[in-house]
PDB file of N, CA and C in Angstrom:
ATOM      1  N   MET A   1      15.066 -46.476  55.761  1.00  0.00           N
ATOM      2  CA  MET A   1      15.449 -45.751  54.966  1.00  0.00           C
ATOM      3  C   MET A   1      16.753 -46.589  54.155  1.00  0.00           C
ATOM      4  N   ASN A   2      17.370 -47.724  54.779  1.00  0.00           N
ATOM      5  CA  ASN A   2      18.327 -48.484  54.531  1.00  0.00           C
ATOM      6  C   ASN A   2      17.861 -49.183  53.343  1.00  0.00           C
ATOM      7  N   LYS A   3      16.337 -49.873  53.587  1.00  0.00           N
ATOM      8  CA  LYS A   3      15.901 -50.591  52.395  1.00  0.00           C
ATOM      9  C   LYS A   3      15.544 -50.146  51.026  1.00  0.00           C
ATOM     10  N   VAL A   4      15.326 -48.607  51.193  1.00  0.00           N
ATOM     11  CA  VAL A   4      15.231 -47.858  50.193  1.00  0.00           C
ATOM     12  C   VAL A   4      16.424 -47.536  49.500  1.00  0.00           C
ATOM     13  N   LEU A   5      17.512 -47.411  50.354  1.00  0.00           N
ATOM     14  CA  LEU A   5      19.080 -46.866  49.350  1.00  0.00           C
ATOM     15  C   LEU A   5      19.471 -47.906  48.855  1.00  0.00           C
ATOM     16  N   SER A   6      19.159 -49.608  49.356  1.00  0.00           N
ATOM     17  CA  SER A   6      19.725 -50.655  48.839  1.00  0.00           C
ATOM     18  C   SER A   6      18.841 -51.004  47.633  1.00  0.00           C
ATOM     19  N   ALA A   7      17.577 -50.778  47.861  1.00  0.00           N
ATOM     20  CA  ALA A   7      17.102 -51.187  46.561  1.00  0.00           C
ATOM     21  C   ALA A   7      17.626 -50.875  44.656  1.00  0.00           C
ATOM     22  N   PRO A   8      17.406 -51.679  43.747  1.00  0.00           N
ATOM     23  CA  PRO A   8      17.780 -51.528  42.689  1.00  0.00           C
ATOM     24  C   PRO A   8      17.315 -50.112  41.927  1.00  0.00           C
ATOM     25  N   TRP A   9      15.917 -49.344  42.404  1.00  0.00           N
ATOM     26  CA  TRP A   9      15.703 -48.635  41.707  1.00  0.00           C
ATOM     27  C   TRP A   9      16.010 -47.295  42.410  1.00  0.00           C
ATOM     28  N   CYS A  10      16.647 -46.987  43.600  1.00  0.00           N
ATOM     29  CA  CYS A  10      16.988 -45.951  44.386  1.00  0.00           C
ATOM     30  C   CYS A  10      18.140 -45.113  43.750  1.00  0.00           C
ATOM     31  N   HIS A  11      17.931 -44.229  43.125  1.00  0.00           N
ATOM     32  CA  HIS A  11      19.031 -43.397  42.653  1.00  0.00           C
ATOM     33  C   HIS A  11      19.666 -42.114  43.355  1.00  0.00           C
ATOM     34  N   GLY A  12      19.040 -42.245  44.380  1.00  0.00           N
ATOM     35  CA  GLY A  12      19.905 -41.307  45.438  1.00  0.00           C
ATOM     36  C   GLY A  12      19.530 -39.670  45.192  1.00  0.00           C
ATOM     37  N   GLU A  13      20.581 -39.237  45.434  1.00  0.00           N
ATOM     38  CA  GLU A  13      20.520 -37.698  44.974  1.00  0.00           C
ATOM     39  C   GLU A  13      21.097 -37.316  43.677  1.00  0.00           C
ATOM     40  N   ILE A  14      19.948 -37.422  42.653  1.00  0.00           N
ATOM     41  CA  ILE A  14      20.385 -37.236  41.381  1.00  0.00           C
ATOM     42  C   ILE A  14      19.383 -35.743  41.058  1.00  0.00           C
ATOM     43  N   THR A  15      19.635 -35.284  40.261  1.00  0.00           N
ATOM     44  CA  THR A  15      18.842 -34.205  39.653  1.00  0.00           C
ATOM     45  C   THR A  15      17.811 -34.742  38.568  1.00  0.00           C
ATOM     46  N   GLN A  16      16.441 -33.663  38.536  1.00  0.00           N
ATOM     47  CA  GLN A  16      15.415 -34.384  37.551  1.00  0.00           C
ATOM     48  C   GLN A  16      16.254 -34.168  36.110  1.00  0.00           C
ATOM     49  N   GLU A  17      17.026 -33.163  35.674  1.00  0.00           N
ATOM     50  CA  GLU A  17      17.816 -33.533  34.594  1.00  0.00           C
ATOM     51  C   GLU A  17      18.522 -34.570  34.310  1.00  0.00           C
ATOM     52  N   LYS A  18      19.093 -35.364  35.303  1.00  0.00           N
ATOM     53  CA  LYS A  18      20.280 -36.492  35.383  1.00  0.00           C
ATOM     54  C   LYS A  18      18.996 -37.688  35.129  1.00  0.00           C
ATOM     55  N   ALA A  19      17.648 -37.707  35.863  1.00  0.00           N
ATOM     56  CA  ALA A  19      16.961 -38.525  35.703  1.00  0.00           C
ATOM     57  C   ALA A  19      16.398 -38.696  34.169  1.00  0.00           C
ATOM     58  N   GLN A  20      16.061 -37.618  33.681  1.00  0.00           N
ATOM     59  CA  GLN A  20      15.484 -37.759  32.436  1.00  0.00           C
ATOM     60  C   GLN A  20      16.588 -38.211  31.271  1.00  0.00           C
ATOM     61  N   SER A  21      17.643 -37.701  31.555  1.00  0.00           N
ATOM     62  CA  SER A  21      18.817 -38.189  30.909  1.00  0.00           C
ATOM     63  C   SER A  21      18.938 -40.122  30.737  1.00  0.00           C
ATOM     64  N   MET A  22      18.920 -40.313  31.973  1.00  0.00           N
ATOM     65  CA  MET A  22      18.799 -41.704  32.227  1.00  0.00           C
ATOM     66  C   MET A  22      18.041 -42.636  31.714  1.00  0.00           C
ATOM     67  N   LEU A  23      16.600 -41.890  31.776  1.00  0.00           N
ATOM     68  CA  LEU A  23      15.423 -42.559  31.337  1.00  0.00           C
ATOM     69  C   LEU A  23      15.018 -42.775  30.078  1.00  0.00           C
ATOM     70  N   MET A  24      15.489 -41.381  29.174  1.00  0.00           N
ATOM     71  CA  MET A  24      15.236 -41.133  27.949  1.00  0.00           C
ATOM     72  C   MET A  24      15.394 -42.370  26.670  1.00  0.00           C
ATOM     73  N   THR A  25      16.732 -43.350  27.425  1.00  0.00           N
ATOM     74  CA  THR A  25      16.846 -44.479  26.322  1.00  0.00           C
ATOM     75  C   THR A  25      16.320 -45.730  26.687  1.00  0.00           C
ATOM     76  N   GLN A  26      15.702 -45.621  27.849  1.00  0.00           N
ATOM     77  CA  GLN A  26      14.912 -46.790  28.651  1.00  0.00           C
ATOM     78  C   GLN A  26      13.562 -47.014  27.721  1.00  0.00           C
ATOM     79  N   ARG A  27      13.210 -48.304  27.882  1.00  0.00           N
ATOM     80  CA  ARG A  27      11.776 -48.840  27.428  1.00  0.00           C
ATOM     81  C   ARG A  27      10.697 -48.048  28.134  1.00  0.00           C
ATOM     82  N   SER A  28       9.155 -48.221  27.607  1.00  0.00           N
ATOM     83  CA  SER A  28       8.368 -47.577  28.367  1.00  0.00           C
ATOM     84  C   SER A  28       8.115 -48.321  29.623  1.00  0.00           C
ATOM     85  N   ASN A  29       7.640 -47.584  30.810  1.00  0.00           N
ATOM     86  CA  ASN A  29       7.471 -47.882  32.351  1.00  0.00           C
ATOM     87  C   ASN A  29       8.715 -48.123  33.115  1.00  0.00           C
ATOM     88  N   THR A  30       9.719 -47.802  32.405  1.00  0.00           N
ATOM     89  CA  THR A  30      11.234 -48.057  33.349  1.00  0.00           C
ATOM     90  C   THR A  30      10.777 -46.879  34.328  1.00  0.00           C
ATOM     91  N   PHE A  31      11.680 -47.023  35.603  1.00  0.00           N
ATOM     92  CA  PHE A  31      11.567 -46.110  36.680  1.00  0.00           C
ATOM     93  C   PHE A  31      12.832 -45.892  37.230  1.00  0.00           C
ATOM     94  N   LEU A  32      12.812 -44.936  38.082  1.00  0.00           N
ATOM     95  CA  LEU A  32      13.721 -44.800  39.424  1.00  0.00           C
ATOM     96  C   LEU A  32      12.942 -43.843  40.106  1.00  0.00           C
ATOM     97  N   VAL A  33      14.078 -44.144  41.427  1.00  0.00           N
ATOM     98  CA  VAL A  33      13.188 -43.051  42.643  1.00  0.00           C
ATOM     99  C   VAL A  33      14.493 -42.361  42.776  1.00  0.00           C
ATOM    100  N   ARG A  34      14.141 -41.276  43.059  1.00  0.00           N
ATOM    101  CA  ARG A  34      15.204 -40.449  43.577  1.00  0.00           C
ATOM    102  C   ARG A  34      14.892 -39.359  44.592  1.00  0.00           C
ATOM    103  N   PHE A  35      16.151 -38.755  45.734  1.00  0.00           N
ATOM    104  CA  PHE A  35      15.719 -37.759  46.464  1.00  0.00           C
ATOM    105  C   PHE A  35      14.874 -36.577  45.944  1.00  0.00           C
ATOM    106  N   SER A  36      13.998 -36.035  46.397  1.00  0.00           N
ATOM    107  CA  SER A  36      13.458 -34.856  46.105  1.00  0.00           C
ATOM    108  C   SER A  36      14.361 -33.854  46.555  1.00  0.00           C
ATOM    109  N   LEU A  37      14.520 -32.795  45.659  1.00  0.00           N
ATOM    110  CA  LEU A  37      15.667 -31.756  46.097  1.00  0.00           C
ATOM    111  C   LEU A  37      14.822 -30.554  46.346  1.00  0.00           C
ATOM    112  N   ARG A  38      13.468 -30.639  45.832  1.00  0.00           N
ATOM    113  CA  ARG A  38      12.661 -29.241  46.053  1.00  0.00           C
ATOM    114  C   ARG A  38      12.021 -28.996  47.419  1.00  0.00           C
ATOM    115  N   SER A  39      11.461 -30.298  48.103  1.00  0.00           N
ATOM    116  CA  SER A  39      10.807 -30.282  49.411  1.00  0.00           C
ATOM    117  C   SER A  39      11.312 -31.593  50.092  1.00  0.00           C
ATOM    118  N   PRO A  40      12.172 -31.674  50.766  1.00  0.00           N
ATOM    119  CA  PRO A  40      12.925 -32.844  51.108  1.00  0.00           C
ATOM    120  C   PRO A  40      11.787 -33.135  52.251  1.00  0.00           C
ATOM    121  N   LEU A  41      11.267 -32.434  53.177  1.00  0.00           N
ATOM    122  CA  LEU A  41      10.645 -32.778  54.224  1.00  0.00           C
ATOM    123  C   LEU A  41       9.289 -33.479  54.038  1.00  0.00           C
ATOM    124  N   THR A  42       8.711 -32.612  53.318  1.00  0.00           N
ATOM    125  CA  THR A  42       7.352 -32.832  53.010  1.00  0.00           C
ATOM    126  C   THR A  42       7.101 -34.027  51.855  1.00  0.00           C
ATOM    127  N   HIS A  43       8.193 -33.871  50.773  1.00  0.00           N
ATOM    128  CA  HIS A  43       7.863 -34.982  49.588  1.00  0.00           C
ATOM    129  C   HIS A  43       9.494 -35.711  49.514  1.00  0.00           C
ATOM    130  N   PRO A  44       9.844 -36.296  50.326  1.00  0.00           N
ATOM    131  CA  PRO A  44      11.159 -37.034  50.149  1.00  0.00           C
ATOM    132  C   PRO A  44      11.665 -37.673  48.832  1.00  0.00           C
ATOM    133  N   PHE A  45      10.686 -38.043  48.473  1.00  0.00           N
ATOM    134  CA  PHE A  45      11.297 -38.949  47.250  1.00  0.00           C
ATOM    135  C   PHE A  45      10.589 -38.405  45.804  1.00  0.00           C
ATOM    136  N   THR A  46      11.091 -38.727  44.681  1.00  0.00           N
ATOM    137  CA  THR A  46      10.151 -38.738  43.525  1.00  0.00           C
ATOM    138  C   THR A  46      10.504 -39.557  42.527  1.00  0.00           C
ATOM    139  N   ILE A  47       9.268 -40.321  41.870  1.00  0.00           N
ATOM    140  CA  ILE A  47       9.224 -41.329  41.121  1.00  0.00           C
ATOM    141  C   ILE A  47       9.443 -40.566  39.832  1.00  0.00           C
ATOM    142  N   SER A  48      10.388 -40.926  38.686  1.00  0.00           N
ATOM    143  CA  SER A  48      10.748 -40.745  37.646  1.00  0.00           C
ATOM    144  C   SER A  48      10.381 -41.849  36.699  1.00  0.00           C
ATOM    145  N   ARG A  49       9.540 -41.612  35.704  1.00  0.00           N
ATOM    146  CA  ARG A  49       9.425 -42.893  34.832  1.00  0.00           C
ATOM    147  C   ARG A  49       9.147 -42.220  33.647  1.00  0.00           C
ATOM    148  N   ILE A  50       9.331 -43.271  32.488  1.00  0.00           N
ATOM    149  CA  ILE A  50       9.073 -42.849  31.287  1.00  0.00           C
ATOM    150  C   ILE A  50       7.879 -43.769  30.660  1.00  0.00           C
ATOM    151  N   VAL A  51       7.196 -43.062  29.816  1.00  0.00           N
ATOM    152  CA  VAL A  51       6.021 -43.565  29.461  1.00  0.00           C
ATOM    153  C   VAL A  51       5.389 -43.332  28.116  1.00  0.00           C
ATOM    154  N   ASN A  52       5.458 -44.266  27.121  1.00  0.00           N
ATOM    155  CA  ASN A  52       5.616 -43.812  25.806  1.00  0.00           C
ATOM    156  C   ASN A  52       6.365 -42.915  25.139  1.00  0.00           C
ATOM    157  N   GLY A  53       7.480 -42.484  25.876  1.00  0.00           N
ATOM    158  CA  GLY A  53       8.673 -41.728  25.357  1.00  0.00           C
ATOM    159  C   GLY A  53       8.709 -40.506  25.752  1.00  0.00           C
ATOM    160  N   ILE A  54       7.302 -39.980  27.034  1.00  0.00           N
ATOM    161  CA  ILE A  54       7.512 -39.015  27.822  1.00  0.00           C
ATOM    162  C   ILE A  54       7.948 -39.268  29.386  1.00  0.00           C
ATOM    163  N   ILE A  55       8.917 -38.314  29.936  1.00  0.00           N
ATOM    164  CA  ILE A  55       9.608 -38.670  31.079  1.00  0.00           C
ATOM    165  C   ILE A  55       8.619 -37.962  32.156  1.00  0.00           C
ATOM    166  N   LEU A  56       7.740 -38.468  33.223  1.00  0.00           N
ATOM    167  CA  LEU A  56       6.856 -38.000  34.462  1.00  0.00           C
ATOM    168  C   LEU A  56       7.706 -38.053  35.255  1.00  0.00           C
ATOM    169  N   HIS A  57       7.181 -37.104  36.270  1.00  0.00           N
ATOM    170  CA  HIS A  57       7.911 -37.052  37.831  1.00  0.00           C
ATOM    171  C   HIS A  57       6.706 -37.031  38.628  1.00  0.00           C
ATOM    172  N   GLN A  58       6.835 -37.992  39.768  1.00  0.00           N
ATOM    173  CA  GLN A  58       5.496 -38.022  40.721  1.00  0.00           C
ATOM    174  C   GLN A  58       6.318 -37.860  42.031  1.00  0.00           C
ATOM    175  N   ARG A  59       5.903 -36.708  42.907  1.00  0.00           N
ATOM    176  CA  ARG A  59       6.286 -36.692  44.143  1.00  0.00           C
ATOM    177  C   ARG A  59       5.674 -37.592  45.337  1.00  0.00           C
ATOM    178  N   ILE A  60       6.492 -38.424  46.395  1.00  0.00           N
ATOM    179  CA  ILE A  60       6.141 -39.321  47.028  1.00  0.00           C
ATOM    180  C   ILE A  60       6.083 -38.307  48.251  1.00  0.00           C
ATOM    181  N   ALA A  61       4.616 -38.054  48.852  1.00  0.00           N
ATOM    182  CA  ALA A  61       4.452 -37.351  50.062  1.00  0.00           C
ATOM    183  C   ALA A  61       4.359 -38.191  51.221  1.00  0.00           C
ATOM    184  N   ARG A  62       5.002 -37.365  52.438  1.00  0.00           N
ATOM    185  CA  ARG A  62       5.358 -38.068  53.796  1.00  0.00           C
ATOM    186  C   ARG A  62       4.488 -37.212  54.553  1.00  0.00           C
ATOM    187  N   ILE A  63       3.468 -38.073  54.964  1.00  0.00           N
ATOM    188  CA  ILE A  63       2.057 -37.451  55.666  1.00  0.00           C
ATOM    189  C   ILE A  63       2.197 -37.859  56.975  1.00  0.00           C
ATOM    190  N   SER A  64       2.408 -37.223  58.061  1.00  0.00           N
ATOM    191  CA  SER A  64       2.343 -37.562  59.461  1.00  0.00           C
ATOM    192  C   SER A  64       0.722 -38.107  59.776  1.00  0.00           C
ATOM    193  N   SER A  65       0.677 -39.172  60.495  1.00  0.00           N
ATOM    194  CA  SER A  65      -0.690 -39.625  60.851  1.00  0.00           C
ATOM    195  C   SER A  65      -1.048 -39.373  62.384  1.00  0.00           C
ATOM    196  N   GLU A  66      -0.497 -38.298  62.858  1.00  0.00           N
ATOM    197  CA  GLU A  66      -0.668 -37.720  64.038  1.00  0.00           C
ATOM    198  C   GLU A  66      -2.124 -37.951  64.644  1.00  0.00           C
ATOM    199  N   GLY A  67      -2.694 -37.177  63.793  1.00  0.00           N
ATOM    200  CA  GLY A  67      -4.009 -36.992  63.392  1.00  0.00           C
ATOM    201  C   GLY A  67      -4.915 -38.409  63.772  1.00  0.00           C
ATOM    202  N   PHE A  68      -4.284 -39.772  63.480  1.00  0.00           N
ATOM    203  CA  PHE A  68      -4.896 -40.727  63.497  1.00  0.00           C
ATOM    204  C   PHE A  68      -4.692 -41.513  64.900  1.00  0.00           C
ATOM    205  N   GLY A  69      -3.668 -40.926  65.529  1.00  0.00           N
ATOM    206  CA  GLY A  69      -3.563 -41.504  66.883  1.00  0.00           C
ATOM    207  C   GLY A  69      -2.429 -41.939  66.709  1.00  0.00           C
ATOM    208  N   THR A  70      -1.253 -42.405  65.755  1.00  0.00           N
ATOM    209  CA  THR A  70      -0.219 -42.995  65.784  1.00  0.00           C
ATOM    210  C   THR A  70       0.958 -42.864  66.286  1.00  0.00           C
ATOM    211  N   GLY A  71       0.821 -41.192  65.502  1.00  0.00           N
ATOM    212  CA  GLY A  71       2.404 -40.314  65.792  1.00  0.00           C
ATOM    213  C   GLY A  71       3.198 -40.744  64.649  1.00  0.00           C
ATOM    214  N   GLN A  72       3.033 -41.821  63.861  1.00  0.00           N
ATOM    215  CA  GLN A  72       4.308 -41.943  62.741  1.00  0.00           C
ATOM    216  C   GLN A  72       3.563 -41.206  61.619  1.00  0.00           C
ATOM    217  N   PHE A  73       4.227 -41.905  60.429  1.00  0.00           N
ATOM    218  CA  PHE A  73       4.187 -41.474  59.034  1.00  0.00           C
ATOM    219  C   PHE A  73       3.815 -42.333  58.289  1.00  0.00           C
ATOM    220  N   PHE A  74       3.061 -41.971  57.157  1.00  0.00           N
ATOM    221  CA  PHE A  74       2.908 -42.911  56.005  1.00  0.00           C
ATOM    222  C   PHE A  74       3.368 -42.108  54.642  1.00  0.00           C
ATOM    223  N   TYR A  75       3.414 -42.733  53.641  1.00  0.00           N
ATOM    224  CA  TYR A  75       4.068 -42.566  52.358  1.00  0.00           C
ATOM    225  C   TYR A  75       2.658 -42.532  51.115  1.00  0.00           C
ATOM    226  N   ALA A  76       2.550 -41.396  50.345  1.00  0.00           N
ATOM    227  CA  ALA A  76       1.223 -41.578  49.255  1.00  0.00           C
ATOM    228  C   ALA A  76       1.911 -41.022  48.198  1.00  0.00           C
ATOM    229  N   THR A  77       1.381 -41.635  47.142  1.00  0.00           N
ATOM    230  CA  THR A  77       1.231 -40.422  45.773  1.00  0.00           C
ATOM    231  C   THR A  77      -0.020 -40.969  44.828  1.00  0.00           C
ATOM    232  N   HIS A  78       0.080 -40.528  43.820  1.00  0.00           N
ATOM    233  CA  HIS A  78      -1.262 -40.582  43.361  1.00  0.00           C
ATOM    234  C   HIS A  78      -0.624 -41.531  41.658  1.00  0.00           C
ATOM    235  N   THR A  79      -1.756 -42.534  41.250  1.00  0.00           N
ATOM    236  CA  THR A  79      -1.400 -43.302  40.294  1.00  0.00           C
ATOM    237  C   THR A  79      -2.365 -42.664  39.106  1.00  0.00           C
ATOM    238  N   SER A  80      -3.392 -41.943  39.205  1.00  0.00           N
ATOM    239  CA  SER A  80      -4.182 -41.329  38.538  1.00  0.00           C
ATOM    240  C   SER A  80      -4.994 -39.956  39.078  1.00  0.00           C
ATOM    241  N   ASP A  81      -5.727 -39.261  38.457  1.00  0.00           N
ATOM    242  CA  ASP A  81      -6.470 -38.067  39.082  1.00  0.00           C
ATOM    243  C   ASP A  81      -7.187 -38.467  40.380  1.00  0.00           C
ATOM    244  N   ASP A  82      -7.757 -39.555  40.619  1.00  0.00           N
ATOM    245  CA  ASP A  82      -8.845 -39.925  41.762  1.00  0.00           C
ATOM    246  C   ASP A  82      -8.258 -41.185  42.474  1.00  0.00           C
ATOM    247  N   ASP A  83      -7.096 -41.857  41.705  1.00  0.00           N
ATOM    248  CA  ASP A  83      -6.726 -43.220  42.360  1.00  0.00           C
ATOM    249  C   ASP A  83      -5.389 -42.703  43.331  1.00  0.00           C
ATOM    250  N   ALA A  84      -5.129 -42.321  44.928  1.00  0.00           N
ATOM    251  CA  ALA A  84      -4.141 -42.375  45.818  1.00  0.00           C
ATOM    252  C   ALA A  84      -3.651 -44.066  46.209  1.00  0.00           C
ATOM    253  N   VAL A  85      -2.144 -44.270  46.167  1.00  0.00           N
ATOM    254  CA  VAL A  85      -1.966 -45.318  46.685  1.00  0.00           C
ATOM    255  C   VAL A  85      -0.805 -44.547  48.134  1.00  0.00           C
ATOM    256  N   SER A  86      -1.434 -45.524  49.378  1.00  0.00           N
ATOM    257  CA  SER A  86      -0.403 -45.375  50.521  1.00  0.00           C
ATOM    258  C   SER A  86       0.110 -46.665  50.975  1.00  0.00           C
ATOM    259  N   ALA A  87       1.497 -46.636  51.891  1.00  0.00           N
ATOM    260  CA  ALA A  87       1.811 -47.458  52.460  1.00  0.00           C
ATOM    261  C   ALA A  87       2.549 -46.790  53.735  1.00  0.00           C
ATOM    262  N   ASP A  88       2.976 -47.837  54.747  1.00  0.00           N
ATOM    263  CA  ASP A  88       3.468 -47.239  55.911  1.00  0.00           C
ATOM    264  C   ASP A  88       5.004 -46.837  55.804  1.00  0.00           C
ATOM    265  N   SER A  89       5.904 -47.274  54.798  1.00  0.00           N
ATOM    266  CA  SER A  89       7.188 -46.773  54.292  1.00  0.00           C
ATOM    267  C   SER A  89       6.975 -46.438  52.695  1.00  0.00           C
ATOM    268  N   ALA A  90       8.198 -45.597  52.577  1.00  0.00           N
ATOM    269  CA  ALA A  90       8.320 -45.461  51.281  1.00  0.00           C
ATOM    270  C   ALA A  90       8.566 -46.722  50.253  1.00  0.00           C
ATOM    271  N   TYR A  91       9.467 -47.639  50.939  1.00  0.00           N
ATOM    272  CA  TYR A  91       9.873 -48.901  50.528  1.00  0.00           C
ATOM    273  C   TYR A  91       8.665 -49.620  49.949  1.00  0.00           C
ATOM    274  N   ALA A  92       7.828 -49.958  50.974  1.00  0.00           N
ATOM    275  CA  ALA A  92       6.425 -50.787  50.662  1.00  0.00           C
ATOM    276  C   ALA A  92       5.485 -49.994  49.712  1.00  0.00           C
ATOM    277  N   LEU A  93       5.566 -48.837  49.534  1.00  0.00           N
ATOM    278  CA  LEU A  93       4.826 -48.071  48.501  1.00  0.00           C
ATOM    279  C   LEU A  93       5.258 -48.337  47.125  1.00  0.00           C
ATOM    280  N   ILE A  94       6.588 -48.279  46.937  1.00  0.00           N
ATOM    281  CA  ILE A  94       7.127 -48.775  45.808  1.00  0.00           C
ATOM    282  C   ILE A  94       6.993 -50.088  45.196  1.00  0.00           C
ATOM    283  N   ARG A  95       6.699 -51.010  46.407  1.00  0.00           N
ATOM    284  CA  ARG A  95       7.022 -52.389  46.018  1.00  0.00           C
ATOM    285  C   ARG A  95       5.292 -52.378  45.554  1.00  0.00           C
ATOM    286  N   SER A  96       4.590 -51.863  46.029  1.00  0.00           N
ATOM    287  CA  SER A  96       2.923 -51.958  45.689  1.00  0.00           C
ATOM    288  C   SER A  96       2.956 -51.613  44.492  1.00  0.00           C
ATOM    289  N   LEU A  97       3.297 -50.197  44.221  1.00  0.00           N
ATOM    290  CA  LEU A  97       3.457 -49.944  42.576  1.00  0.00           C
ATOM    291  C   LEU A  97       3.861 -50.801  41.683  1.00  0.00           C
ATOM    292  N   ILE A  98       5.046 -51.611  42.109  1.00  0.00           N
ATOM    293  CA  ILE A  98       5.604 -52.706  41.167  1.00  0.00           C
ATOM    294  C   ILE A  98       4.533 -53.839  40.936  1.00  0.00           C
ATOM    295  N   ASP A  99       4.396 -54.267  42.304  1.00  0.00           N
ATOM    296  CA  ASP A  99       3.172 -55.454  42.080  1.00  0.00           C
ATOM    297  C   ASP A  99       2.323 -55.189  41.499  1.00  0.00           C
ATOM    298  N   SER A 100       1.604 -53.748  41.299  1.00  0.00           N
ATOM    299  CA  SER A 100       0.332 -53.857  40.634  1.00  0.00           C
ATOM    300  C   SER A 100       0.675 -53.659  39.334  1.00  0.00           C
ATOM    301  N   GLY A 101       2.002 -53.482  38.781  1.00  0.00           N
ATOM    302  CA  GLY A 101       2.272 -53.099  37.326  1.00  0.00           C
ATOM    303  C   GLY A 101       2.318 -51.950  37.014  1.00  0.00           C
ATOM    304  N   TYR A 102       1.754 -50.898  37.947  1.00  0.00           N
ATOM    305  CA  TYR A 102       2.024 -49.771  37.955  1.00  0.00           C
ATOM    306  C   TYR A 102       3.443 -49.030  37.427  1.00  0.00           C
ATOM    307  N   LEU A 103       4.685 -49.566  37.925  1.00  0.00           N
ATOM    308  CA  LEU A 103       5.958 -49.463  37.691  1.00  0.00           C
ATOM    309  C   LEU A 103       6.477 -50.474  36.962  1.00  0.00           C
ATOM    310  N   GLY A 104       7.420 -50.479  36.125  1.00  0.00           N
ATOM    311  CA  GLY A 104       7.963 -51.437  35.194  1.00  0.00           C
ATOM    312  C   GLY A 104       9.400 -52.189  35.940  1.00  0.00           C
ATOM    313  N   MET A 105      10.292 -51.686  34.856  1.00  0.00           N
ATOM    314  CA  MET A 105      11.532 -52.450  35.298  1.00  0.00           C
ATOM    315  C   MET A 105      12.300 -51.058  36.116  1.00  0.00           C
ATOM    316  N   PRO A 106      13.310 -51.263  36.901  1.00  0.00           N
ATOM    317  CA  PRO A 106      13.955 -50.243  37.467  1.00  0.00           C
ATOM    318  C   PRO A 106      15.102 -49.981  36.479  1.00  0.00           C
ATOM    319  N   CYS A 107      15.380 -48.547  36.383  1.00  0.00           N
ATOM    320  CA  CYS A 107      16.090 -48.042  35.460  1.00  0.00           C
ATOM    321  C   CYS A 107      17.789 -48.444  35.839  1.00  0.00           C
ATOM    322  N   PRO A 108      18.368 -48.916  35.248  1.00  0.00           N
ATOM    323  CA  PRO A 108      20.097 -49.428  35.530  1.00  0.00           C
ATOM    324  C   PRO A 108      20.703 -48.193  36.289  1.00  0.00           C
ATOM    325  N   LYS A 109      21.615 -48.708  37.339  1.00  0.00           N
ATOM    326  CA  LYS A 109      22.219 -47.464  37.611  1.00  0.00           C
ATOM    327  C   LYS A 109      23.650 -47.637  38.085  1.00  0.00           C
ATOM    328  N   ASN A 110      24.578 -46.678  38.194  1.00  0.00           N
ATOM    329  CA  ASN A 110      26.046 -46.932  38.433  1.00  0.00           C
ATOM    330  C   ASN A 110      25.839 -46.659  40.245  1.00  0.00           C
ATOM    331  N   VAL A 111      26.572 -47.313  40.771  1.00  0.00           N
ATOM    332  CA  VAL A 111      26.700 -47.799  42.098  1.00  0.00           C
ATOM    333  C   VAL A 111      27.121 -46.437  42.912  1.00  0.00           C
ATOM    334  N   SER A 112      27.880 -45.658  42.108  1.00  0.00           N
ATOM    335  CA  SER A 112      28.791 -44.836  42.686  1.00  0.00           C
ATOM    336  C   SER A 112      27.819 -43.280  42.497  1.00  0.00           C
ATOM    337  N   GLU A 113      26.538 -43.538  41.830  1.00  0.00           N
ATOM    338  CA  GLU A 113      25.972 -42.295  41.748  1.00  0.00           C
ATOM    339  C   GLU A 113      25.099 -42.220  43.300  1.00  0.00           C
ATOM    340  N   LEU A 114      24.866 -43.080  43.972  1.00  0.00           N
ATOM    341  CA  LEU A 114      24.124 -43.229  45.069  1.00  0.00           C
ATOM    342  C   LEU A 114      24.784 -42.202  46.138  1.00  0.00           C
ATOM    343  N   SER A 115      24.261 -41.442  46.763  1.00  0.00           N
ATOM    344  CA  SER A 115      24.512 -40.697  47.687  1.00  0.00           C
ATOM    345  C   SER A 115      23.284 -40.090  48.545  1.00  0.00           C
ATOM    346  N   CYS A 116      23.934 -40.093  49.848  1.00  0.00           N
ATOM    347  CA  CYS A 116      22.610 -39.480  50.922  1.00  0.00           C
ATOM    348  C   CYS A 116      23.286 -38.620  51.620  1.00  0.00           C
ATOM    349  N   THR A 117      22.814 -37.396  51.735  1.00  0.00           N
ATOM    350  CA  THR A 117      22.886 -36.375  52.605  1.00  0.00           C
ATOM    351  C   THR A 117      21.755 -36.209  53.807  1.00  0.00           C
ATOM    352  N   TYR A 118      21.172 -37.149  53.993  1.00  0.00           N
ATOM    353  CA  TYR A 118      19.812 -37.135  55.070  1.00  0.00           C
ATOM    354  C   TYR A 118      20.385 -37.728  56.230  1.00  0.00           C
TER     355      TYR A 118
END
């Protein structure tokens, strides 16, 4: 969790409306990651990004791998209707999406906005 909190793309506990206002003035494919306020146990993070002037929000699922015998969790999201991406941590998932070019530059943030209640 510390890697996520210190990442330049993590904006912590901000609302969807705040994310939208921050992204509206940014270039296409700029993104941020914020805590999911709707279902933090099953979808702890949301990726908010701007694509061609449209703000999109994608939840990152936290899925138990208990059925696979490891007793740990992994994180997943969809990049299209048929394409799921997963990793063993939320940080690794976001890095993978950046490295693949799916996500562009992180949205600038003010350090004082970052807060964590988890």
